[in-house]
Amino acid sequence: MVTESALKASMKDGDRIILVLVEGHETTLKKWPLHITIIPWFASELSANDLKQILSSKLKGTKPFQVEVGKEAMFGEKHDIPVNVIKLPNPLEDIDKKLRSLIESKSSGIAYSNLRKRYGFNPHITFQGERRKYPGDKIRINKIQVVRIDNGLKRVESEVELNG
């Protein structure tokens, strides 16, 4: 099992994550905004433009949609990370299926793959200090972001609009 500390230690410049920003529109992220991870950290030699084109092609025909925030839960190895689970079923499951095999074929591996195989896709929003969502909140999803880590900073490298 990959631990959170092992993952943080293994993240390096150039690693990427595919997610949905729930708040904020900054391009450089000094601290994590509320977000829903779709594909965890992975390393790939693809340029930002190539990755955006590939993702756009895979997501062609996907319309914007809404998800509902569900119950609170505790995640992490020690069950000490508060999150809100996103209610299923929802279109994030289809997006995950479309992108996971693509990213696996274009990268040197995806973090947490063993956990995904064991527990399945479990979209959630991790609390960020006092910032959080509440059960019943609705979130409109109309774009997917790719975040890249460079020199310790996380920045939005590209966005793919969902325009079905």
Protein backbone atom coordinates (compact mmCIF):
# COMPACT_ATOMS: atom_id res chain seq x y z
CA MET A 1 0.00 0.00 0.00
CA VAL A 2 1.30 3.46 -0.89
CA THR A 3 1.22 5.69 2.18
CA GLU A 4 0.44 9.42 2.05
CA SER A 5 3.94 10.25 3.31
CA ALA A 6 5.55 7.91 0.75
CA LEU A 7 3.51 9.50 -2.01
CA LYS A 8 4.48 13.04 -0.95
CA ALA A 9 8.12 11.97 -0.78
CA SER A 10 7.93 10.41 -4.24
CA MET A 11 6.22 13.37 -5.96
CA LYS A 12 8.68 15.22 -8.09
CA ASP A 13 8.76 18.10 -10.49
CA GLY A 14 6.72 17.35 -13.54
CA ASP A 15 4.24 15.02 -11.82
CA ARG A 16 0.59 15.75 -12.62
CA ILE A 17 -2.87 15.17 -11.19
CA ILE A 18 -6.23 15.35 -13.00
CA LEU A 19 -8.95 16.93 -10.90
CA VAL A 20 -11.94 19.25 -10.70
CA LEU A 21 -11.42 22.52 -8.83
CA VAL A 22 -14.45 23.13 -6.64
CA GLU A 23 -13.37 26.60 -5.53
CA GLY A 24 -11.05 29.28 -6.81
CA HIS A 25 -9.61 29.87 -10.22
CA GLU A 26 -5.96 30.53 -9.39
CA THR A 27 -3.40 29.10 -11.75
CA THR A 28 -0.71 28.77 -9.07
CA LEU A 29 -1.90 26.91 -6.00
CA LYS A 30 0.06 27.77 -2.86
CA LYS A 31 -2.30 25.57 -0.86
CA TRP A 32 -4.87 23.11 -2.08
CA PRO A 33 -8.27 24.53 -2.94
CA LEU A 34 -11.31 22.31 -2.51
CA HIS A 35 -11.16 19.78 -5.33
CA ILE A 36 -12.25 16.33 -6.47
CA THR A 37 -9.38 14.14 -7.67
CA ILE A 38 -10.10 12.03 -10.73
CA ILE A 39 -6.63 10.65 -11.54
CA PRO A 40 -4.03 10.92 -8.73
CA TRP A 41 -0.39 11.86 -9.27
CA PHE A 42 1.31 10.43 -12.34
CA ALA A 43 4.47 11.11 -14.33
CA SER A 44 4.34 11.51 -18.09
CA GLU A 45 6.60 12.84 -20.80
CA LEU A 46 3.64 14.31 -22.70
CA SER A 47 3.71 18.07 -23.23
CA ALA A 48 0.93 20.10 -21.63
CA ASN A 49 -0.57 20.73 -25.06
CA ASP A 50 -0.44 17.05 -26.08
CA LEU A 51 -2.04 15.96 -22.81
CA LYS A 52 -4.78 18.58 -23.17
CA GLN A 53 -5.52 17.46 -26.74
CA ILE A 54 -5.68 13.80 -25.72
CA LEU A 55 -7.98 14.57 -22.77
CA SER A 56 -10.18 16.81 -24.93
CA SER A 57 -10.54 14.00 -27.45
CA LYS A 58 -11.42 11.43 -24.76
CA LEU A 59 -13.95 13.77 -23.13
CA LYS A 60 -15.56 14.89 -26.38
CA GLY A 61 -19.33 14.67 -26.02
CA THR A 62 -19.23 14.95 -22.21
CA LYS A 63 -21.71 17.58 -21.11
CA PRO A 64 -21.38 19.71 -17.97
CA PHE A 65 -23.13 18.08 -15.02
CA GLN A 66 -23.88 18.44 -11.35
CA VAL A 67 -22.84 16.22 -8.46
CA GLU A 68 -24.19 16.14 -4.93
CA VAL A 69 -22.03 16.22 -1.83
CA GLY A 70 -22.71 13.26 0.43
CA LYS A 71 -21.88 12.16 3.94
CA GLU A 72 -18.74 12.93 5.88
CA ALA A 73 -16.12 10.22 6.21
CA MET A 74 -12.58 9.75 7.48
CA PHE A 75 -9.98 8.70 4.88
CA GLY A 76 -6.27 7.97 5.02
CA GLU A 77 -4.22 5.20 6.54
CA LYS A 78 -5.11 6.33 10.05
CA HIS A 79 -8.66 7.37 9.18
CA ASP A 80 -7.76 10.91 10.23
CA ILE A 81 -8.48 12.90 7.04
CA PRO A 82 -12.00 14.38 6.99
CA VAL A 83 -13.75 14.32 3.62
CA ASN A 84 -17.18 14.52 2.07
CA VAL A 85 -17.94 11.66 -0.28
CA ILE A 86 -19.56 12.58 -3.60
CA LYS A 87 -22.83 10.70 -4.10
CA LEU A 88 -22.80 7.98 -6.74
CA PRO A 89 -23.73 7.24 -9.41
CA ASN A 90 -22.58 10.33 -11.29
CA PRO A 91 -20.70 11.13 -14.52
CA LEU A 92 -17.34 11.29 -12.69
CA GLU A 93 -17.34 7.47 -12.80
CA ASP A 94 -17.50 7.50 -16.59
CA ILE A 95 -14.81 10.18 -16.79
CA ASP A 96 -12.58 8.09 -14.53
CA LYS A 97 -13.05 5.03 -16.76
CA LYS A 98 -12.34 7.03 -19.92
CA LEU A 99 -9.17 8.60 -18.54
CA ARG A 100 -7.63 5.90 -16.31
CA SER A 101 -6.57 3.43 -19.03
CA LEU A 102 -5.41 6.32 -21.23
CA ILE A 103 -3.22 7.79 -18.50
CA GLU A 104 -1.89 4.36 -17.54
CA SER A 105 -0.76 3.87 -21.15
CA LYS A 106 0.85 7.34 -21.35
CA SER A 107 2.61 7.44 -17.98
CA SER A 108 5.01 5.55 -15.78
CA GLY A 109 2.27 4.74 -13.29
CA ILE A 110 -0.50 6.30 -11.24
CA ALA A 111 -0.30 6.83 -7.48
CA TYR A 112 -2.75 4.84 -5.35
CA SER A 113 -3.50 2.32 -8.12
CA ASN A 114 -3.56 -0.54 -5.61
CA LEU A 115 -6.13 1.28 -3.48
CA ARG A 116 -8.26 2.00 -6.54
CA LYS A 117 -8.24 -1.68 -7.49
CA ARG A 118 -9.18 -2.64 -3.97
CA TYR A 119 -11.86 -0.06 -3.19
CA GLY A 120 -12.97 1.27 -6.57
CA PHE A 121 -13.52 4.89 -7.52
CA ASN A 122 -14.56 6.89 -4.46
CA PRO A 123 -14.75 10.58 -5.40
CA HIS A 124 -14.56 12.93 -2.44
CA ILE A 125 -13.63 16.44 -1.32
CA THR A 126 -11.00 16.64 1.41
CA PHE A 127 -11.60 19.38 3.98
CA GLN A 128 -8.99 22.14 3.69
CA GLY A 129 -8.82 23.56 7.21
CA GLU A 130 -12.11 25.40 7.76
CA ARG A 131 -12.96 25.25 4.04
CA ARG A 132 -15.31 22.42 3.20
CA LYS A 133 -18.62 21.43 1.61
CA TYR A 134 -21.72 20.06 3.32
CA PRO A 135 -24.01 17.11 2.62
CA GLY A 136 -26.61 18.12 0.07
CA ASP A 137 -24.45 20.86 -1.53
CA LYS A 138 -24.52 20.73 -5.33
CA ILE A 139 -21.39 21.24 -7.44
CA ARG A 140 -21.58 22.04 -11.14
CA ILE A 141 -18.73 20.49 -13.13
CA ASN A 142 -18.01 22.07 -16.49
CA LYS A 143 -14.25 21.58 -16.81
CA ILE A 144 -11.46 19.25 -15.78
CA GLN A 145 -8.06 20.62 -14.76
CA VAL A 146 -4.56 19.17 -15.00
CA VAL A 147 -2.32 20.35 -12.16
CA ARG A 148 1.46 20.01 -12.39
CA ILE A 149 4.03 20.31 -9.64
CA ASP A 150 7.09 22.44 -10.44
CA ASN A 151 9.68 23.61 -7.92
CA GLY A 152 7.31 22.57 -5.15
CA LEU A 153 4.46 24.74 -6.48
CA LYS A 154 1.28 23.28 -7.86
CA ARG A 155 -0.12 25.06 -10.90
CA VAL A 156 -3.02 24.52 -13.26
CA GLU A 157 -1.26 23.43 -16.43
CA SER A 158 -4.37 23.13 -18.58
CA GLU A 159 -8.15 22.95 -18.51
CA VAL A 160 -10.51 20.91 -20.62
CA GLU A 161 -13.99 22.35 -21.05
CA LEU A 162 -16.91 19.92 -20.99
CA ASN A 163 -19.17 21.07 -23.78
CA GLY A 164 -20.86 17.88 -25.01
